[in-house]
């Protein structure tokens, strides 16, 4: 998946929606429990109902790992039903010493065939670069997250007197590791007040923005402050879409929720991407 192909999808669908497949077996509609693989059946119906409205799917790997071997099977089957032109994100938040990262990269890019993976930058360049050696695959680096604990480290001021936060140094340094066609950044939607600072450092990178929907982030604010001339945003919504209903109509309700977001995104694309 190239940057150009991703932007083509955004223009074609008038959407920069990423749907998080955070599928919890405890929250599945009861009527699915008789299926051989209820998690996959849930995901299959969500994908079929929403694929024309989104440009990316982001399975949170923890939801599948927690189920043991059957969870990995559900995940593999889910990837098989996602249309080829849709960007896939392994939300795995990996990152370790070089040879371990090489194996993580092999697992998610070769064995599982994801387009991208979220990576923690704390261990530095040598823990990230093994994910960057395969052409057409992306690293999505954690930069500024939405959780309350983000202030513990990400919001620390550096001691060199330039008033930069640690997350800004992470952006500045890591931008040298790969091109804008191979690296994105996670920036939480509830951190909207810092989007302008992010864009000052990485004006041309795509940002993966979780936290819109159930977590209360503002799509308008993120779009207004975060868009660039190739949109530059993948805005994720998980629970607000996939759990829009717990009944037999769950897929229809998920589609309705995704459609509402897509229609709002269409307005912002027309407003902020001038050559749309």
Protein backbone atom coordinates (compact mmCIF):
# COMPACT_ATOMS: atom_id res chain seq x y z
CA UNK A 1 0.00 0.00 0.00
CA UNK A 2 1.62 3.23 -1.15
CA UNK A 3 0.86 6.73 0.06
CA UNK A 4 -0.63 7.53 -3.34
CA UNK A 5 -2.96 4.51 -3.28
CA UNK A 6 -4.11 5.40 0.22
CA UNK A 7 -4.91 8.95 -0.86
CA UNK A 8 -6.77 7.59 -3.89
CA UNK A 9 -8.98 5.58 -1.54
CA UNK A 10 -9.62 8.67 0.56
CA UNK A 11 -10.68 10.65 -2.50
CA UNK A 12 -12.77 7.83 -3.93
CA UNK A 13 -14.67 7.11 -0.72
CA UNK A 14 -14.61 10.71 0.57
CA UNK A 15 -13.52 9.19 3.85
CA UNK A 16 -10.48 8.92 6.07
CA UNK A 17 -12.20 6.57 8.49
CA UNK A 18 -10.31 3.72 10.12
CA UNK A 19 -12.47 1.16 11.92
CA UNK A 20 -10.95 -0.56 14.91
CA UNK A 21 -11.76 -4.25 15.12
CA UNK A 22 -11.44 -4.45 18.91
CA UNK A 23 -13.60 -7.52 19.01
CA UNK A 24 -14.30 -8.72 22.55
CA UNK A 25 -15.87 -12.19 22.78
CA UNK A 26 -17.76 -11.00 25.87
CA UNK A 27 -19.54 -8.31 23.85
CA UNK A 28 -20.66 -10.37 20.87
CA UNK A 29 -24.38 -10.54 20.03
CA UNK A 30 -25.80 -13.73 21.49
CA UNK A 31 -27.06 -15.08 18.19
CA UNK A 32 -23.45 -15.34 16.93
CA UNK A 33 -22.31 -17.62 19.71
CA UNK A 34 -23.59 -20.70 17.87
CA UNK A 35 -21.12 -20.08 15.04
CA UNK A 36 -17.93 -22.12 14.88
CA UNK A 37 -15.90 -18.89 15.10
CA UNK A 38 -18.09 -16.13 16.56
CA UNK A 39 -15.32 -13.51 16.55
CA UNK A 40 -14.63 -14.02 12.86
CA UNK A 41 -18.33 -14.04 12.01
CA UNK A 42 -18.77 -10.73 13.83
CA UNK A 43 -15.78 -9.22 12.02
CA UNK A 44 -16.92 -10.58 8.67
CA UNK A 45 -20.29 -8.94 8.95
CA UNK A 46 -18.78 -5.66 10.18
CA UNK A 47 -16.39 -5.60 7.21
CA UNK A 48 -19.12 -6.42 4.70
CA UNK A 49 -21.30 -3.66 6.12
CA UNK A 50 -18.65 -0.93 6.25
CA UNK A 51 -15.93 -1.61 3.64
CA UNK A 52 -17.24 1.03 1.24
CA UNK A 53 -17.18 3.69 3.97
CA UNK A 54 -13.69 3.30 5.42
CA UNK A 55 -10.12 3.24 4.11
CA UNK A 56 -8.52 1.21 6.91
CA UNK A 57 -9.21 -1.49 9.48
CA UNK A 58 -7.22 -1.71 12.68
CA UNK A 59 -7.48 -4.94 14.67
CA UNK A 60 -6.20 -4.44 18.21
CA UNK A 61 -3.97 -7.49 18.52
CA UNK A 62 -4.52 -7.89 22.27
CA UNK A 63 -8.15 -8.89 21.69
CA UNK A 64 -6.96 -11.83 19.59
CA UNK A 65 -3.86 -12.79 21.58
CA UNK A 66 -6.01 -13.08 24.71
CA UNK A 67 -7.92 -15.95 23.11
CA UNK A 68 -4.84 -18.06 22.45
CA UNK A 69 -4.44 -20.01 19.20
CA UNK A 70 -8.10 -19.65 18.19
CA UNK A 71 -7.74 -15.88 18.39
CA UNK A 72 -4.92 -15.91 15.85
CA UNK A 73 -7.07 -18.06 13.57
CA UNK A 74 -9.92 -15.55 13.85
CA UNK A 75 -7.52 -12.74 13.00
CA UNK A 76 -6.06 -14.51 9.96
CA UNK A 77 -9.53 -15.24 8.62
CA UNK A 78 -10.55 -11.63 9.22
CA UNK A 79 -7.62 -10.36 7.18
CA UNK A 80 -8.66 -12.62 4.31
CA UNK A 81 -12.09 -10.96 4.01
CA UNK A 82 -10.83 -7.37 4.14
CA UNK A 83 -10.70 -6.04 0.55
CA UNK A 84 -7.17 -5.76 -0.82
CA UNK A 85 -7.39 -2.01 -1.42
CA UNK A 86 -8.16 -1.27 2.24
CA UNK A 87 -5.20 -0.41 4.48
CA UNK A 88 -4.68 -2.84 7.38
CA UNK A 89 -3.09 -1.87 10.67
CA UNK A 90 -1.80 -4.34 13.25
CA UNK A 91 -2.33 -2.38 16.45
CA UNK A 92 0.33 -4.35 18.28
CA UNK A 93 2.54 -1.61 19.76
CA UNK A 94 5.67 -3.70 19.35
CA UNK A 95 9.28 -2.54 19.69
CA UNK A 96 12.31 -4.40 21.05
CA UNK A 97 15.98 -4.97 20.33
CA UNK A 98 16.85 -5.42 16.68
CA UNK A 99 16.66 -9.18 16.18
CA UNK A 100 13.37 -9.39 18.12
CA UNK A 101 11.88 -6.56 16.08
CA UNK A 102 12.93 -8.41 12.94
CA UNK A 103 10.82 -11.36 14.05
CA UNK A 104 7.88 -9.13 14.95
CA UNK A 105 8.13 -7.60 11.48
CA UNK A 106 8.21 -11.05 9.89
CA UNK A 107 5.19 -12.14 11.94
CA UNK A 108 2.95 -9.23 11.01
CA UNK A 109 4.19 -8.39 7.51
CA UNK A 110 5.00 -11.83 6.10
CA UNK A 111 3.00 -14.36 8.09
CA UNK A 112 -0.06 -12.14 8.69
CA UNK A 113 0.35 -9.80 5.66
CA UNK A 114 -0.59 -6.54 7.41
CA UNK A 115 0.19 -3.28 5.63
CA UNK A 116 1.39 -1.61 8.82
CA UNK A 117 2.08 -2.00 12.51
CA UNK A 118 2.04 0.33 15.49
CA UNK A 119 5.46 0.53 17.15
CA UNK A 120 6.63 2.01 20.46
CA UNK A 121 9.70 4.27 20.00
CA UNK A 122 11.05 4.13 23.57
CA UNK A 123 14.01 1.86 22.71
CA UNK A 124 15.16 4.06 19.84
CA UNK A 125 16.05 3.73 16.17
CA UNK A 126 17.48 0.21 16.20
CA UNK A 127 14.22 -1.14 17.61
CA UNK A 128 12.17 0.53 14.86
CA UNK A 129 14.27 0.18 11.72
CA UNK A 130 13.76 -3.62 11.33
CA UNK A 131 10.11 -2.82 10.58
CA UNK A 132 11.16 -0.45 7.79
CA UNK A 133 13.12 -2.81 5.57
CA UNK A 134 10.16 -4.31 3.72
CA UNK A 135 8.92 -2.19 0.80
CA UNK A 136 5.30 -1.15 0.89
CA UNK A 137 4.95 -1.70 4.64
CA UNK A 138 4.46 1.06 7.17
CA UNK A 139 5.48 1.84 10.73
CA UNK A 140 2.99 3.83 12.76
CA UNK A 141 5.01 5.26 15.62
CA UNK A 142 3.44 6.16 18.94
CA UNK A 143 3.93 9.90 19.38
CA UNK A 144 1.21 11.45 21.54
CA UNK A 145 -1.45 9.16 22.95
CA UNK A 146 -4.88 9.84 24.47
CA UNK A 147 -4.56 7.92 27.72
CA UNK A 148 -4.23 9.82 31.03
CA UNK A 149 -0.75 8.41 31.58
CA UNK A 150 0.57 10.07 28.42
CA UNK A 151 1.62 13.04 30.56
CA UNK A 152 3.98 10.85 32.60
CA UNK A 153 6.62 10.83 29.85
CA UNK A 154 5.31 12.22 26.55
CA UNK A 155 4.52 15.63 28.05
CA UNK A 156 7.79 16.08 29.93
CA UNK A 157 9.64 19.27 29.03
CA UNK A 158 13.19 18.79 27.81
CA UNK A 159 15.93 20.31 29.93
CA UNK A 160 17.79 22.09 27.12
CA UNK A 161 15.75 25.27 27.47
CA UNK A 162 13.91 25.12 24.13
CA UNK A 163 10.52 24.41 25.74
CA UNK A 164 9.93 21.29 23.65
CA UNK A 165 8.03 18.32 24.99
CA UNK A 166 9.50 14.84 24.79
CA UNK A 167 6.91 13.80 22.20
CA UNK A 168 8.16 16.61 19.95
CA UNK A 169 11.70 15.30 20.17
CA UNK A 170 10.43 11.83 19.29
CA UNK A 171 8.77 13.29 16.19
CA UNK A 172 11.80 15.34 15.22
CA UNK A 173 14.28 12.50 15.58
CA UNK A 174 12.20 9.68 14.13
CA UNK A 175 11.25 11.70 11.03
CA UNK A 176 14.83 11.03 9.89
CA UNK A 177 14.37 7.27 10.03
CA UNK A 178 12.00 6.86 7.07
CA UNK A 179 10.15 8.76 4.36
CA UNK A 180 6.61 10.12 4.58
CA UNK A 181 5.66 7.12 2.46
CA UNK A 182 6.67 4.61 5.10
CA UNK A 183 6.04 6.18 8.50
CA UNK A 184 2.94 7.52 10.23
CA UNK A 185 2.37 8.73 13.78
CA UNK A 186 -0.24 7.99 16.41
CA UNK A 187 -1.69 11.20 17.81
CA UNK A 188 -4.67 10.84 20.12
CA UNK A 189 -7.85 12.73 19.26
CA UNK A 190 -8.18 14.02 22.81
CA UNK A 191 -4.82 15.79 22.34
CA UNK A 192 -6.27 18.17 19.76
CA UNK A 193 -4.68 21.24 21.35
CA UNK A 194 -1.24 19.85 20.40
CA UNK A 195 -2.02 18.95 16.78
CA UNK A 196 -0.56 22.23 15.52
CA UNK A 197 2.70 21.47 17.32
CA UNK A 198 2.74 18.03 15.73
CA UNK A 199 2.11 19.45 12.26
CA UNK A 200 4.88 22.02 12.69
CA UNK A 201 7.37 19.15 12.95
CA UNK A 202 5.83 16.55 10.60
CA UNK A 203 3.70 18.54 8.15
CA UNK A 204 3.51 15.84 5.47
CA UNK A 205 3.18 12.59 7.43
CA UNK A 206 -0.06 10.72 7.88
CA UNK A 207 -1.39 10.73 11.43
CA UNK A 208 -3.38 7.84 12.86
CA UNK A 209 -5.82 9.47 15.25
CA UNK A 210 -7.63 7.21 17.73
CA UNK A 211 -10.03 8.51 20.34
CA UNK A 212 -12.90 9.83 18.19
CA UNK A 213 -16.25 8.40 19.23
CA UNK A 214 -16.44 6.60 22.56
CA UNK A 215 -13.39 8.46 23.90
CA UNK A 216 -14.85 11.86 23.05
CA UNK A 217 -12.30 13.33 20.62
CA UNK A 218 -13.52 16.03 18.24
CA UNK A 219 -13.48 15.06 14.57
CA UNK A 220 -13.96 18.70 13.56
CA UNK A 221 -10.99 19.87 15.61
CA UNK A 222 -8.71 17.08 14.43
CA UNK A 223 -9.67 17.68 10.79
CA UNK A 224 -9.29 21.45 10.96
CA UNK A 225 -5.91 21.36 12.66
CA UNK A 226 -4.48 18.11 11.31
CA UNK A 227 -5.25 17.90 7.60
CA UNK A 228 -2.62 18.51 4.94
CA UNK A 229 -2.96 18.58 1.15
CA UNK A 230 -3.15 14.78 0.96
CA UNK A 231 -5.56 14.67 3.87
CA UNK A 232 -2.82 13.21 6.07
CA UNK A 233 -5.26 11.69 8.55
CA UNK A 234 -6.62 8.26 9.38
CA UNK A 235 -9.19 8.79 12.11
CA UNK A 236 -10.06 5.65 14.04
CA UNK A 237 -13.35 4.78 15.66
CA UNK A 238 -13.82 1.38 17.29
CA UNK A 239 -16.50 0.87 19.93
CA UNK A 240 -18.83 3.60 18.68
CA UNK A 241 -19.14 1.73 15.38
CA UNK A 242 -18.71 -1.98 16.00
CA UNK A 243 -20.82 -1.98 19.17
CA UNK A 244 -23.51 0.39 17.92
CA UNK A 245 -25.93 -2.47 18.63
CA UNK A 246 -25.73 -5.74 20.51
CA UNK A 247 -28.63 -7.31 18.66
CA UNK A 248 -29.21 -9.04 15.35
CA UNK A 249 -29.04 -5.68 13.63
CA UNK A 250 -25.45 -5.03 14.82
CA UNK A 251 -24.03 -4.89 11.28
CA UNK A 252 -26.73 -2.52 10.05
CA UNK A 253 -26.24 -0.26 13.06
CA UNK A 254 -22.47 -0.35 12.55
CA UNK A 255 -22.98 0.74 8.97
CA UNK A 256 -25.25 3.58 10.05
CA UNK A 257 -22.67 4.76 12.59
CA UNK A 258 -19.85 4.56 10.03
CA UNK A 259 -21.95 6.37 7.43
CA UNK A 260 -22.59 9.23 9.84
CA UNK A 261 -18.84 9.65 10.39
CA UNK A 262 -18.11 9.35 6.66
CA UNK A 263 -20.62 12.09 5.80
CA UNK A 264 -19.00 14.42 8.32
CA UNK A 265 -15.57 13.58 6.92
CA UNK A 266 -16.77 14.37 3.41
CA UNK A 267 -17.56 17.91 4.52
CA UNK A 268 -14.11 18.41 6.04
CA UNK A 269 -12.36 17.03 2.97
CA UNK A 270 -14.22 19.50 0.78
CA UNK A 271 -13.37 22.30 3.20
CA UNK A 272 -9.70 21.63 3.92
CA UNK A 273 -8.28 19.64 0.96
CA UNK A 274 -8.29 22.37 -1.65
CA UNK A 275 -7.70 20.24 -4.77
CA UNK A 276 -10.36 17.64 -3.92
